Amino acid sequence: WKKNEFIEIKEDEIILNQEIQDRLWSASLQLCKDEKTTRIAENLYNYAK
């Protein structure tokens, strides 16, 4: 945020790596193992792909 505007931040290549994003998503799901949360998260993930 600069001069009342959002500024563009260049993303590092590792952030855009789909394999790493998938691993992070999987780890996140393991942290919330209840069935309803997992089902909702999987639906969101599949919708985003």
PDB file of N, CA and C in Angstrom:
ATOM      1  N   TRP A   1       0.862  -1.158   0.000  1.00  0.00           N
ATOM      2  CA  TRP A   1       0.000   0.000   0.000  1.00  0.00           C
ATOM      3  C   TRP A   1       0.902   1.213   0.000  1.00  0.00           C
ATOM      4  N   LYS A   2       0.771   2.014  -1.043  1.00  0.00           N
ATOM      5  CA  LYS A   2       1.617   3.195  -1.148  1.00  0.00           C
ATOM      6  C   LYS A   2       0.831   4.278  -1.864  1.00  0.00           C
ATOM      7  N   LYS A   3       0.819   5.456  -1.303  1.00  0.00           N
ATOM      8  CA  LYS A   3       0.085   6.587  -1.886  1.00  0.00           C
ATOM      9  C   LYS A   3      -1.365   6.214  -2.171  1.00  0.00           C
ATOM     10  N   ASN A   4      -1.995   5.554  -1.205  1.00  0.00           N
ATOM     11  CA  ASN A   4      -3.393   5.130  -1.310  1.00  0.00           C
ATOM     12  C   ASN A   4      -3.666   4.177  -2.467  1.00  0.00           C
ATOM     13  N   GLU A   5      -2.665   3.414  -2.863  1.00  0.00           N
ATOM     14  CA  GLU A   5      -2.826   2.409  -3.915  1.00  0.00           C
ATOM     15  C   GLU A   5      -2.071   1.149  -3.528  1.00  0.00           C
ATOM     16  N   PHE A   6      -2.580   0.025  -4.011  1.00  0.00           N
ATOM     17  CA  PHE A   6      -1.838  -1.211  -3.836  1.00  0.00           C
ATOM     18  C   PHE A   6      -0.658  -1.197  -4.791  1.00  0.00           C
ATOM     19  N   ILE A   7       0.454  -1.761  -4.351  1.00  0.00           N
ATOM     20  CA  ILE A   7       1.612  -1.861  -5.232  1.00  0.00           C
ATOM     21  C   ILE A   7       1.814  -3.324  -5.614  1.00  0.00           C
ATOM     22  N   GLU A   8       2.350  -3.541  -6.779  1.00  0.00           N
ATOM     23  CA  GLU A   8       2.605  -4.887  -7.277  1.00  0.00           C
ATOM     24  C   GLU A   8       3.893  -5.412  -6.652  1.00  0.00           C
ATOM     25  N   ILE A   9       3.818  -6.607  -6.082  1.00  0.00           N
ATOM     26  CA  ILE A   9       4.998  -7.243  -5.514  1.00  0.00           C
ATOM     27  C   ILE A   9       5.341  -8.429  -6.402  1.00  0.00           C
ATOM     28  N   LYS A  10       6.563  -8.472  -6.872  1.00  0.00           N
ATOM     29  CA  LYS A  10       6.983  -9.568  -7.739  1.00  0.00           C
ATOM     30  C   LYS A  10       7.035 -10.864  -6.929  1.00  0.00           C
ATOM     31  N   GLU A  11       6.376 -11.894  -7.431  1.00  0.00           N
ATOM     32  CA  GLU A  11       6.353 -13.188  -6.758  1.00  0.00           C
ATOM     33  C   GLU A  11       7.614 -13.971  -7.098  1.00  0.00           C
ATOM     34  N   ASP A  12       8.155 -14.630  -6.105  1.00  0.00           N
ATOM     35  CA  ASP A  12       9.298 -15.508  -6.308  1.00  0.00           C
ATOM     36  C   ASP A  12       8.807 -16.767  -7.033  1.00  0.00           C
ATOM     37  N   GLU A  13       9.636 -17.377  -7.838  1.00  0.00           N
ATOM     38  CA  GLU A  13       9.254 -18.572  -8.610  1.00  0.00           C
ATOM     39  C   GLU A  13       8.742 -19.693  -7.716  1.00  0.00           C
ATOM     40  N   ILE A  14       9.327 -19.847  -6.536  1.00  0.00           N
ATOM     41  CA  ILE A  14       8.929 -20.946  -5.651  1.00  0.00           C
ATOM     42  C   ILE A  14       7.472 -20.804  -5.213  1.00  0.00           C
ATOM     43  N   ILE A  15       6.982 -19.598  -5.117  1.00  0.00           N
ATOM     44  CA  ILE A  15       5.598 -19.360  -4.715  1.00  0.00           C
ATOM     45  C   ILE A  15       4.636 -19.840  -5.794  1.00  0.00           C
ATOM     46  N   LEU A  16       5.043 -19.738  -7.044  1.00  0.00           N
ATOM     47  CA  LEU A  16       4.184 -20.122  -8.161  1.00  0.00           C
ATOM     48  C   LEU A  16       4.277 -21.610  -8.491  1.00  0.00           C
ATOM     49  N   ASN A  17       5.157 -22.340  -7.810  1.00  0.00           N
ATOM     50  CA  ASN A  17       5.372 -23.758  -8.069  1.00  0.00           C
ATOM     51  C   ASN A  17       4.158 -24.569  -7.598  1.00  0.00           C
ATOM     52  N   GLN A  18       3.457 -25.201  -8.533  1.00  0.00           N
ATOM     53  CA  GLN A  18       2.222 -25.929  -8.220  1.00  0.00           C
ATOM     54  C   GLN A  18       2.470 -27.093  -7.274  1.00  0.00           C
ATOM     55  N   GLU A  19       3.582 -27.798  -7.428  1.00  0.00           N
ATOM     56  CA  GLU A  19       3.878 -28.936  -6.550  1.00  0.00           C
ATOM     57  C   GLU A  19       4.008 -28.478  -5.093  1.00  0.00           C
ATOM     58  N   ILE A  20       4.682 -27.367  -4.891  1.00  0.00           N
ATOM     59  CA  ILE A  20       4.848 -26.839  -3.536  1.00  0.00           C
ATOM     60  C   ILE A  20       3.512 -26.353  -2.986  1.00  0.00           C
ATOM     61  N   GLN A  21       2.699 -25.731  -3.821  1.00  0.00           N
ATOM     62  CA  GLN A  21       1.368 -25.297  -3.384  1.00  0.00           C
ATOM     63  C   GLN A  21       0.519 -26.500  -2.973  1.00  0.00           C
ATOM     64  N   ASP A  22       0.605 -27.585  -3.741  1.00  0.00           N
ATOM     65  CA  ASP A  22      -0.146 -28.801  -3.417  1.00  0.00           C
ATOM     66  C   ASP A  22       0.314 -29.394  -2.089  1.00  0.00           C
ATOM     67  N   ARG A  23       1.628 -29.400  -1.848  1.00  0.00           N
ATOM     68  CA  ARG A  23       2.157 -29.919  -0.582  1.00  0.00           C
ATOM     69  C   ARG A  23       1.691 -29.069   0.595  1.00  0.00           C
ATOM     70  N   LEU A  24       1.698 -27.764   0.429  1.00  0.00           N
ATOM     71  CA  LEU A  24       1.240 -26.866   1.486  1.00  0.00           C
ATOM     72  C   LEU A  24      -0.243 -27.086   1.763  1.00  0.00           C
ATOM     73  N   TRP A  25      -1.030 -27.240   0.695  1.00  0.00           N
ATOM     74  CA  TRP A  25      -2.462 -27.482   0.848  1.00  0.00           C
ATOM     75  C   TRP A  25      -2.695 -28.785   1.609  1.00  0.00           C
ATOM     76  N   SER A  26      -1.967 -29.825   1.247  1.00  0.00           N
ATOM     77  CA  SER A  26      -2.103 -31.116   1.914  1.00  0.00           C
ATOM     78  C   SER A  26      -1.734 -31.010   3.392  1.00  0.00           C
ATOM     79  N   ALA A  27      -0.654 -30.317   3.695  1.00  0.00           N
ATOM     80  CA  ALA A  27      -0.243 -30.131   5.091  1.00  0.00           C
ATOM     81  C   ALA A  27      -1.308 -29.358   5.858  1.00  0.00           C
ATOM     82  N   SER A  28      -1.893 -28.367   5.230  1.00  0.00           N
ATOM     83  CA  SER A  28      -2.945 -27.578   5.876  1.00  0.00           C
ATOM     84  C   SER A  28      -4.154 -28.450   6.196  1.00  0.00           C
ATOM     85  N   LEU A  29      -4.511 -29.334   5.268  1.00  0.00           N
ATOM     86  CA  LEU A  29      -5.646 -30.223   5.504  1.00  0.00           C
ATOM     87  C   LEU A  29      -5.369 -31.182   6.656  1.00  0.00           C
ATOM     88  N   GLN A  30      -4.122 -31.608   6.795  1.00  0.00           N
ATOM     89  CA  GLN A  30      -3.768 -32.504   7.896  1.00  0.00           C
ATOM     90  C   GLN A  30      -3.928 -31.822   9.252  1.00  0.00           C
ATOM     91  N   LEU A  31      -3.793 -30.509   9.281  1.00  0.00           N
ATOM     92  CA  LEU A  31      -3.929 -29.769  10.536  1.00  0.00           C
ATOM     93  C   LEU A  31      -5.387 -29.626  10.973  1.00  0.00           C
ATOM     94  N   CYS A  32      -6.308 -29.798  10.040  1.00  0.00           N
ATOM     95  CA  CYS A  32      -7.741 -29.694  10.383  1.00  0.00           C
ATOM     96  C   CYS A  32      -8.438 -30.934   9.852  1.00  0.00           C
ATOM     97  N   LYS A  33      -8.324 -32.010  10.574  1.00  0.00           N
ATOM     98  CA  LYS A  33      -8.761 -33.310  10.072  1.00  0.00           C
ATOM     99  C   LYS A  33     -10.245 -33.624  10.246  1.00  0.00           C
ATOM    100  N   ASP A  34     -11.050 -32.660  10.700  1.00  0.00           N
ATOM    101  CA  ASP A  34     -12.462 -33.013  10.824  1.00  0.00           C
ATOM    102  C   ASP A  34     -13.082 -33.130   9.431  1.00  0.00           C
ATOM    103  N   GLU A  35     -14.055 -33.998   9.309  1.00  0.00           N
ATOM    104  CA  GLU A  35     -14.615 -34.366   8.001  1.00  0.00           C
ATOM    105  C   GLU A  35     -15.225 -33.182   7.252  1.00  0.00           C
ATOM    106  N   LYS A  36     -15.988 -32.367   7.937  1.00  0.00           N
ATOM    107  CA  LYS A  36     -16.668 -31.257   7.263  1.00  0.00           C
ATOM    108  C   LYS A  36     -15.666 -30.247   6.701  1.00  0.00           C
ATOM    109  N   THR A  37     -14.667 -29.883   7.488  1.00  0.00           N
ATOM    110  CA  THR A  37     -13.651 -28.929   7.024  1.00  0.00           C
ATOM    111  C   THR A  37     -12.882 -29.503   5.842  1.00  0.00           C
ATOM    112  N   THR A  38     -12.522 -30.770   5.928  1.00  0.00           N
ATOM    113  CA  THR A  38     -11.789 -31.414   4.837  1.00  0.00           C
ATOM    114  C   THR A  38     -12.616 -31.430   3.559  1.00  0.00           C
ATOM    115  N   ARG A  39     -13.896 -31.752   3.666  1.00  0.00           N
ATOM    116  CA  ARG A  39     -14.776 -31.799   2.491  1.00  0.00           C
ATOM    117  C   ARG A  39     -14.914 -30.415   1.848  1.00  0.00           C
ATOM    118  N   ILE A  40     -15.118 -29.396   2.669  1.00  0.00           N
ATOM    119  CA  ILE A  40     -15.242 -28.028   2.152  1.00  0.00           C
ATOM    120  C   ILE A  40     -13.943 -27.598   1.480  1.00  0.00           C
ATOM    121  N   ALA A  41     -12.821 -27.879   2.122  1.00  0.00           N
ATOM    122  CA  ALA A  41     -11.519 -27.499   1.572  1.00  0.00           C
ATOM    123  C   ALA A  41     -11.261 -28.192   0.243  1.00  0.00           C
ATOM    124  N   GLU A  42     -11.583 -29.472   0.154  1.00  0.00           N
ATOM    125  CA  GLU A  42     -11.387 -30.195  -1.105  1.00  0.00           C
ATOM    126  C   GLU A  42     -12.259 -29.616  -2.210  1.00  0.00           C
ATOM    127  N   ASN A  43     -13.490 -29.255  -1.893  1.00  0.00           N
ATOM    128  CA  ASN A  43     -14.371 -28.634  -2.889  1.00  0.00           C
ATOM    129  C   ASN A  43     -13.796 -27.309  -3.373  1.00  0.00           C
ATOM    130  N   LEU A  44     -13.316 -26.494  -2.443  1.00  0.00           N
ATOM    131  CA  LEU A  44     -12.710 -25.216  -2.825  1.00  0.00           C
ATOM    132  C   LEU A  44     -11.470 -25.423  -3.678  1.00  0.00           C
ATOM    133  N   TYR A  45     -10.652 -26.380  -3.287  1.00  0.00           N
ATOM    134  CA  TYR A  45      -9.418 -26.662  -4.015  1.00  0.00           C
ATOM    135  C   TYR A  45      -9.724 -27.123  -5.438  1.00  0.00           C
ATOM    136  N   ASN A  46     -10.678 -28.022  -5.579  1.00  0.00           N
ATOM    137  CA  ASN A  46     -11.046 -28.516  -6.912  1.00  0.00           C
ATOM    138  C   ASN A  46     -11.662 -27.416  -7.765  1.00  0.00           C
ATOM    139  N   TYR A  47     -12.418 -26.525  -7.147  1.00  0.00           N
ATOM    140  CA  TYR A  47     -13.022 -25.407  -7.873  1.00  0.00           C
ATOM    141  C   TYR A  47     -11.948 -24.443  -8.380  1.00  0.00           C
ATOM    142  N   ALA A  48     -10.893 -24.265  -7.593  1.00  0.00           N
ATOM    143  CA  ALA A  48      -9.836 -23.306  -7.937  1.00  0.00           C
ATOM    144  C   ALA A  48      -8.934 -23.812  -9.054  1.00  0.00           C
ATOM    145  N   LYS A  49      -8.879 -25.107  -9.274  1.00  0.00           N
ATOM    146  CA  LYS A  49      -7.971 -25.660 -10.297  1.00  0.00           C
ATOM    147  C   LYS A  49      -8.477 -25.428 -11.682  1.00  0.00           C
TER     148      LYS A  49
END
